[in-house]
Amino acid sequence: MASVIFCGFGKEKDGRVVTKNGEVLLRVAAANGIMIPKECEEGECGSCVVKVEEISEEKQTHYMDDKELNKLIELGLLSKDKAEELNQSTTQSQYRLACQCVIRGDILVKPFN
């Protein structure tokens, strides 16, 4: 199980949610009344960008596929060099597409804007 802490989405909505590892962040948010902007839900549009901070004591491996990395580069949130570094490591970017972010441990999620 993993804890997802939503912060900055509104006083009534902020808080901690417990979910299964392997769940997609956008689905967890929607199921708990957290409105993250979304259009395509396929990682193509970039409308669901959020800030994510890993807060697990034991660091987890975070996979970011090329589609997500390329969209973050296109949006100017990652450099090509940083994307290459992330692609070869177990760390994740602070910016994630909520529709592509698979929960692997405890995280803090904040709105992008």
N, C-alpha and C. Protein backbone atom coordinates (compact mmCIF):
# COMPACT_ATOMS: atom_id res chain seq x y z
N MET A 1 0.84 -1.18 0.00
CA MET A 1 0.00 0.00 0.00
C MET A 1 0.89 1.25 0.00
N ALA A 2 0.34 2.32 -0.54
CA ALA A 2 1.08 3.57 -0.62
C ALA A 2 0.19 4.72 -0.17
N SER A 3 0.80 5.74 0.39
CA SER A 3 0.09 6.96 0.76
C SER A 3 0.34 8.01 -0.30
N VAL A 4 -0.73 8.67 -0.70
CA VAL A 4 -0.64 9.81 -1.61
C VAL A 4 -1.19 11.00 -0.85
N ILE A 5 -0.36 12.01 -0.67
CA ILE A 5 -0.79 13.21 0.03
C ILE A 5 -1.00 14.30 -1.01
N PHE A 6 -2.22 14.79 -1.11
CA PHE A 6 -2.56 15.88 -2.03
C PHE A 6 -2.50 17.18 -1.25
N CYS A 7 -1.79 18.16 -1.80
CA CYS A 7 -1.60 19.44 -1.12
C CYS A 7 -1.73 20.57 -2.14
N GLY A 8 -2.61 21.53 -1.86
CA GLY A 8 -2.77 22.68 -2.74
C GLY A 8 -3.94 22.57 -3.70
N PHE A 9 -4.77 21.55 -3.52
CA PHE A 9 -5.92 21.35 -4.40
C PHE A 9 -7.22 21.90 -3.80
N GLY A 10 -7.12 22.50 -2.64
CA GLY A 10 -8.28 23.06 -1.95
C GLY A 10 -8.40 22.44 -0.57
N LYS A 11 -8.72 23.25 0.42
CA LYS A 11 -8.74 22.78 1.80
C LYS A 11 -9.62 21.55 2.00
N GLU A 12 -10.77 21.52 1.32
CA GLU A 12 -11.68 20.39 1.48
C GLU A 12 -11.14 19.13 0.82
N LYS A 13 -10.29 19.29 -0.18
CA LYS A 13 -9.80 18.15 -0.96
C LYS A 13 -8.43 17.66 -0.50
N ASP A 14 -7.62 18.54 0.08
CA ASP A 14 -6.27 18.16 0.49
C ASP A 14 -6.32 17.07 1.55
N GLY A 15 -5.33 16.22 1.53
CA GLY A 15 -5.24 15.20 2.55
C GLY A 15 -4.56 13.95 2.04
N ARG A 16 -4.59 12.93 2.86
CA ARG A 16 -3.88 11.68 2.59
C ARG A 16 -4.86 10.62 2.12
N VAL A 17 -4.45 9.90 1.09
CA VAL A 17 -5.22 8.79 0.54
C VAL A 17 -4.32 7.56 0.54
N VAL A 18 -4.84 6.44 0.94
CA VAL A 18 -4.09 5.19 0.87
C VAL A 18 -4.59 4.40 -0.33
N THR A 19 -3.66 3.93 -1.14
CA THR A 19 -4.01 3.20 -2.36
C THR A 19 -3.04 2.06 -2.58
N LYS A 20 -3.35 1.20 -3.54
CA LYS A 20 -2.48 0.09 -3.87
C LYS A 20 -1.32 0.57 -4.74
N ASN A 21 -0.16 0.00 -4.56
CA ASN A 21 0.94 0.24 -5.48
C ASN A 21 0.50 -0.22 -6.86
N GLY A 22 0.92 0.52 -7.88
CA GLY A 22 0.56 0.16 -9.24
C GLY A 22 -0.61 0.94 -9.80
N GLU A 23 -1.28 1.71 -8.95
CA GLU A 23 -2.40 2.53 -9.42
C GLU A 23 -1.87 3.76 -10.15
N VAL A 24 -2.66 4.27 -11.08
CA VAL A 24 -2.29 5.48 -11.83
C VAL A 24 -2.77 6.69 -11.03
N LEU A 25 -1.89 7.66 -10.88
CA LEU A 25 -2.17 8.84 -10.05
C LEU A 25 -3.45 9.56 -10.46
N LEU A 26 -3.69 9.75 -11.74
CA LEU A 26 -4.88 10.47 -12.19
C LEU A 26 -6.16 9.76 -11.74
N ARG A 27 -6.18 8.43 -11.80
CA ARG A 27 -7.36 7.67 -11.38
C ARG A 27 -7.58 7.77 -9.87
N VAL A 28 -6.47 7.72 -9.12
CA VAL A 28 -6.58 7.84 -7.66
C VAL A 28 -7.12 9.22 -7.29
N ALA A 29 -6.62 10.25 -7.95
CA ALA A 29 -7.09 11.61 -7.69
C ALA A 29 -8.59 11.72 -7.98
N ALA A 30 -9.01 11.27 -9.14
CA ALA A 30 -10.42 11.37 -9.53
C ALA A 30 -11.32 10.59 -8.57
N ALA A 31 -10.88 9.42 -8.15
CA ALA A 31 -11.68 8.59 -7.24
C ALA A 31 -11.85 9.25 -5.87
N ASN A 32 -10.98 10.21 -5.57
CA ASN A 32 -11.02 10.88 -4.26
C ASN A 32 -11.42 12.34 -4.37
N GLY A 33 -12.02 12.73 -5.50
CA GLY A 33 -12.55 14.07 -5.66
C GLY A 33 -11.51 15.14 -5.93
N ILE A 34 -10.29 14.75 -6.26
CA ILE A 34 -9.24 15.71 -6.58
C ILE A 34 -9.29 15.97 -8.08
N MET A 35 -9.53 17.21 -8.44
CA MET A 35 -9.66 17.56 -9.85
C MET A 35 -8.31 18.01 -10.40
N ILE A 36 -7.69 17.13 -11.17
CA ILE A 36 -6.46 17.46 -11.89
C ILE A 36 -6.88 17.71 -13.33
N PRO A 37 -6.50 18.84 -13.92
CA PRO A 37 -6.89 19.11 -15.30
C PRO A 37 -6.46 17.94 -16.20
N LYS A 38 -7.34 17.60 -17.14
CA LYS A 38 -7.01 16.52 -18.06
C LYS A 38 -7.77 16.72 -19.35
N GLU A 39 -7.17 16.28 -20.42
CA GLU A 39 -7.83 16.32 -21.72
C GLU A 39 -7.80 14.93 -22.35
N CYS A 40 -6.61 14.46 -22.69
CA CYS A 40 -6.53 13.21 -23.46
C CYS A 40 -6.42 11.96 -22.59
N GLU A 41 -5.83 12.07 -21.42
CA GLU A 41 -5.56 10.95 -20.51
C GLU A 41 -4.66 9.88 -21.13
N GLU A 42 -3.91 10.25 -22.16
CA GLU A 42 -3.03 9.31 -22.86
C GLU A 42 -1.57 9.77 -22.86
N GLY A 43 -1.25 10.88 -22.18
CA GLY A 43 0.11 11.38 -22.16
C GLY A 43 0.49 12.20 -23.37
N GLU A 44 -0.50 12.59 -24.15
CA GLU A 44 -0.24 13.33 -25.38
C GLU A 44 -0.34 14.85 -25.21
N CYS A 45 -1.25 15.32 -24.34
CA CYS A 45 -1.54 16.75 -24.29
C CYS A 45 -0.75 17.51 -23.23
N GLY A 46 -0.38 16.86 -22.15
CA GLY A 46 0.37 17.52 -21.08
C GLY A 46 -0.48 18.34 -20.12
N SER A 47 -1.80 18.25 -20.22
CA SER A 47 -2.66 19.07 -19.35
C SER A 47 -2.67 18.61 -17.90
N CYS A 48 -2.25 17.39 -17.64
CA CYS A 48 -2.34 16.84 -16.28
C CYS A 48 -1.01 16.88 -15.52
N VAL A 49 -0.11 17.79 -15.90
CA VAL A 49 1.18 17.90 -15.20
C VAL A 49 0.95 18.29 -13.74
N VAL A 50 1.63 17.57 -12.85
CA VAL A 50 1.61 17.87 -11.42
C VAL A 50 3.05 17.80 -10.90
N LYS A 51 3.27 18.35 -9.72
CA LYS A 51 4.56 18.22 -9.04
C LYS A 51 4.44 17.04 -8.08
N VAL A 52 5.43 16.16 -8.14
CA VAL A 52 5.41 14.96 -7.31
C VAL A 52 6.73 14.87 -6.54
N GLU A 53 6.61 14.60 -5.26
CA GLU A 53 7.79 14.41 -4.42
C GLU A 53 7.67 13.05 -3.74
N GLU A 54 8.69 12.25 -3.89
CA GLU A 54 8.70 10.94 -3.23
C GLU A 54 8.99 11.14 -1.75
N ILE A 55 8.14 10.59 -0.89
CA ILE A 55 8.33 10.77 0.55
C ILE A 55 8.51 9.43 1.27
N SER A 56 8.61 8.35 0.52
CA SER A 56 8.87 7.05 1.13
C SER A 56 10.27 7.04 1.73
N GLU A 57 10.41 6.41 2.86
CA GLU A 57 11.74 6.28 3.44
C GLU A 57 12.60 5.39 2.56
N GLU A 58 11.98 4.35 2.03
CA GLU A 58 12.68 3.44 1.14
C GLU A 58 12.36 3.86 -0.29
N LYS A 59 13.36 4.31 -1.03
CA LYS A 59 13.13 4.82 -2.38
C LYS A 59 12.72 3.70 -3.32
N GLN A 60 11.78 4.02 -4.18
CA GLN A 60 11.24 3.06 -5.13
C GLN A 60 11.77 3.35 -6.53
N THR A 61 11.70 2.38 -7.40
CA THR A 61 12.09 2.57 -8.79
C THR A 61 10.91 3.18 -9.53
N HIS A 62 11.13 4.29 -10.21
CA HIS A 62 10.07 4.97 -10.96
C HIS A 62 10.40 4.93 -12.44
N TYR A 63 9.53 4.32 -13.17
CA TYR A 63 9.72 4.23 -14.61
C TYR A 63 8.97 5.36 -15.30
N MET A 64 9.67 6.08 -16.16
CA MET A 64 9.03 7.11 -16.98
C MET A 64 9.28 6.72 -18.43
N ASP A 65 8.20 6.46 -19.16
CA ASP A 65 8.39 6.04 -20.54
C ASP A 65 8.75 7.23 -21.43
N ASP A 66 9.20 6.92 -22.64
CA ASP A 66 9.65 7.96 -23.56
C ASP A 66 8.55 8.97 -23.87
N LYS A 67 7.30 8.51 -23.95
CA LYS A 67 6.19 9.42 -24.24
C LYS A 67 6.10 10.51 -23.18
N GLU A 68 6.17 10.12 -21.91
CA GLU A 68 6.09 11.09 -20.83
C GLU A 68 7.31 12.00 -20.82
N LEU A 69 8.50 11.43 -20.95
CA LEU A 69 9.71 12.23 -20.97
C LEU A 69 9.70 13.23 -22.11
N ASN A 70 9.30 12.80 -23.30
CA ASN A 70 9.25 13.69 -24.46
C ASN A 70 8.24 14.81 -24.27
N LYS A 71 7.10 14.52 -23.67
CA LYS A 71 6.09 15.56 -23.41
C LYS A 71 6.63 16.58 -22.41
N LEU A 72 7.32 16.13 -21.37
CA LEU A 72 7.88 17.05 -20.39
C LEU A 72 8.98 17.91 -21.01
N ILE A 73 9.75 17.35 -21.94
CA ILE A 73 10.75 18.13 -22.68
C ILE A 73 10.04 19.17 -23.53
N GLU A 74 9.01 18.74 -24.26
CA GLU A 74 8.24 19.65 -25.13
C GLU A 74 7.63 20.81 -24.34
N LEU A 75 7.19 20.53 -23.12
CA LEU A 75 6.59 21.56 -22.28
C LEU A 75 7.64 22.46 -21.62
N GLY A 76 8.91 22.11 -21.79
CA GLY A 76 9.99 22.91 -21.22
C GLY A 76 10.24 22.63 -19.75
N LEU A 77 9.73 21.51 -19.25
CA LEU A 77 9.89 21.17 -17.84
C LEU A 77 11.12 20.32 -17.57
N LEU A 78 11.65 19.71 -18.62
CA LEU A 78 12.87 18.90 -18.52
C LEU A 78 13.77 19.23 -19.69
N SER A 79 15.06 19.21 -19.45
CA SER A 79 16.01 19.32 -20.55
C SER A 79 16.22 17.91 -21.11
N LYS A 80 16.74 17.83 -22.31
CA LYS A 80 17.04 16.52 -22.90
C LYS A 80 18.07 15.78 -22.06
N ASP A 81 19.05 16.51 -21.53
CA ASP A 81 20.08 15.88 -20.70
C ASP A 81 19.47 15.30 -19.42
N LYS A 82 18.58 16.07 -18.78
CA LYS A 82 17.94 15.59 -17.55
C LYS A 82 17.05 14.39 -17.84
N ALA A 83 16.34 14.41 -18.97
CA ALA A 83 15.50 13.28 -19.35
C ALA A 83 16.33 12.02 -19.55
N GLU A 84 17.48 12.18 -20.18
CA GLU A 84 18.39 11.04 -20.38
C GLU A 84 18.88 10.50 -19.04
N GLU A 85 19.21 11.41 -18.13
CA GLU A 85 19.65 11.01 -16.79
C GLU A 85 18.55 10.24 -16.07
N LEU A 86 17.32 10.75 -16.13
CA LEU A 86 16.20 10.09 -15.47
C LEU A 86 15.92 8.73 -16.09
N ASN A 87 16.11 8.63 -17.39
CA ASN A 87 15.85 7.38 -18.11
C ASN A 87 16.82 6.29 -17.67
N GLN A 88 17.98 6.68 -17.14
CA GLN A 88 18.99 5.71 -16.75
C GLN A 88 19.11 5.55 -15.23
N SER A 89 18.20 6.16 -14.49
CA SER A 89 18.30 6.08 -13.03
C SER A 89 16.97 5.61 -12.44
N THR A 90 16.95 5.50 -11.15
CA THR A 90 15.73 5.07 -10.46
C THR A 90 14.99 6.25 -9.84
N THR A 91 15.44 7.46 -10.12
CA THR A 91 14.76 8.64 -9.58
C THR A 91 13.71 9.13 -10.57
N GLN A 92 12.83 9.95 -10.09
CA GLN A 92 11.81 10.50 -10.97
C GLN A 92 11.93 12.01 -11.03
N SER A 93 11.34 12.55 -12.06
CA SER A 93 11.27 14.00 -12.22
C SER A 93 10.30 14.56 -11.19
N GLN A 94 10.50 15.81 -10.78
CA GLN A 94 9.52 16.44 -9.89
C GLN A 94 8.23 16.74 -10.64
N TYR A 95 8.29 16.77 -11.97
CA TYR A 95 7.11 16.99 -12.80
C TYR A 95 6.70 15.65 -13.40
N ARG A 96 5.43 15.34 -13.28
CA ARG A 96 4.92 14.10 -13.85
C ARG A 96 3.59 14.36 -14.53
N LEU A 97 3.28 13.53 -15.51
CA LEU A 97 1.94 13.53 -16.09
C LEU A 97 1.11 12.60 -15.22
N ALA A 98 0.06 13.12 -14.61
CA ALA A 98 -0.74 12.31 -13.68
C ALA A 98 -1.33 11.08 -14.36
N CYS A 99 -1.59 11.17 -15.67
CA CYS A 99 -2.17 10.04 -16.39
C CYS A 99 -1.14 8.94 -16.66
N GLN A 100 0.13 9.25 -16.48
CA GLN A 100 1.20 8.27 -16.74
C GLN A 100 1.95 7.86 -15.48
N CYS A 101 1.72 8.56 -14.39
CA CYS A 101 2.45 8.32 -13.14
C CYS A 101 1.86 7.12 -12.39
N VAL A 102 2.61 6.04 -12.34
CA VAL A 102 2.20 4.85 -11.61
C VAL A 102 2.76 4.95 -10.19
N ILE A 103 1.91 4.80 -9.22
CA ILE A 103 2.29 4.96 -7.81
C ILE A 103 3.06 3.72 -7.36
N ARG A 104 4.26 3.95 -6.85
CA ARG A 104 5.13 2.85 -6.39
C ARG A 104 5.53 3.00 -4.93
N GLY A 105 5.13 4.11 -4.31
CA GLY A 105 5.47 4.37 -2.91
C GLY A 105 4.78 5.64 -2.47
N ASP A 106 5.07 6.08 -1.28
CA ASP A 106 4.44 7.27 -0.72
C ASP A 106 4.91 8.52 -1.46
N ILE A 107 3.94 9.35 -1.86
CA ILE A 107 4.27 10.56 -2.61
C ILE A 107 3.43 11.75 -2.12
N LEU A 108 3.99 12.92 -2.34
CA LEU A 108 3.30 14.19 -2.10
C LEU A 108 3.02 14.78 -3.48
N VAL A 109 1.78 15.17 -3.73
CA VAL A 109 1.37 15.68 -5.04
C VAL A 109 0.83 17.10 -4.88
N LYS A 110 1.36 17.99 -5.71
CA LYS A 110 0.91 19.39 -5.70
C LYS A 110 0.52 19.79 -7.12
N PRO A 111 -0.37 20.79 -7.25
CA PRO A 111 -0.71 21.28 -8.59
C PRO A 111 0.52 21.87 -9.26
N PHE A 112 0.57 21.80 -10.58
CA PHE A 112 1.68 22.35 -11.33
C PHE A 112 1.70 23.87 -11.24
N ASN A 113 0.55 24.50 -11.37
CA ASN A 113 0.49 25.97 -11.36
C ASN A 113 0.22 26.50 -9.98
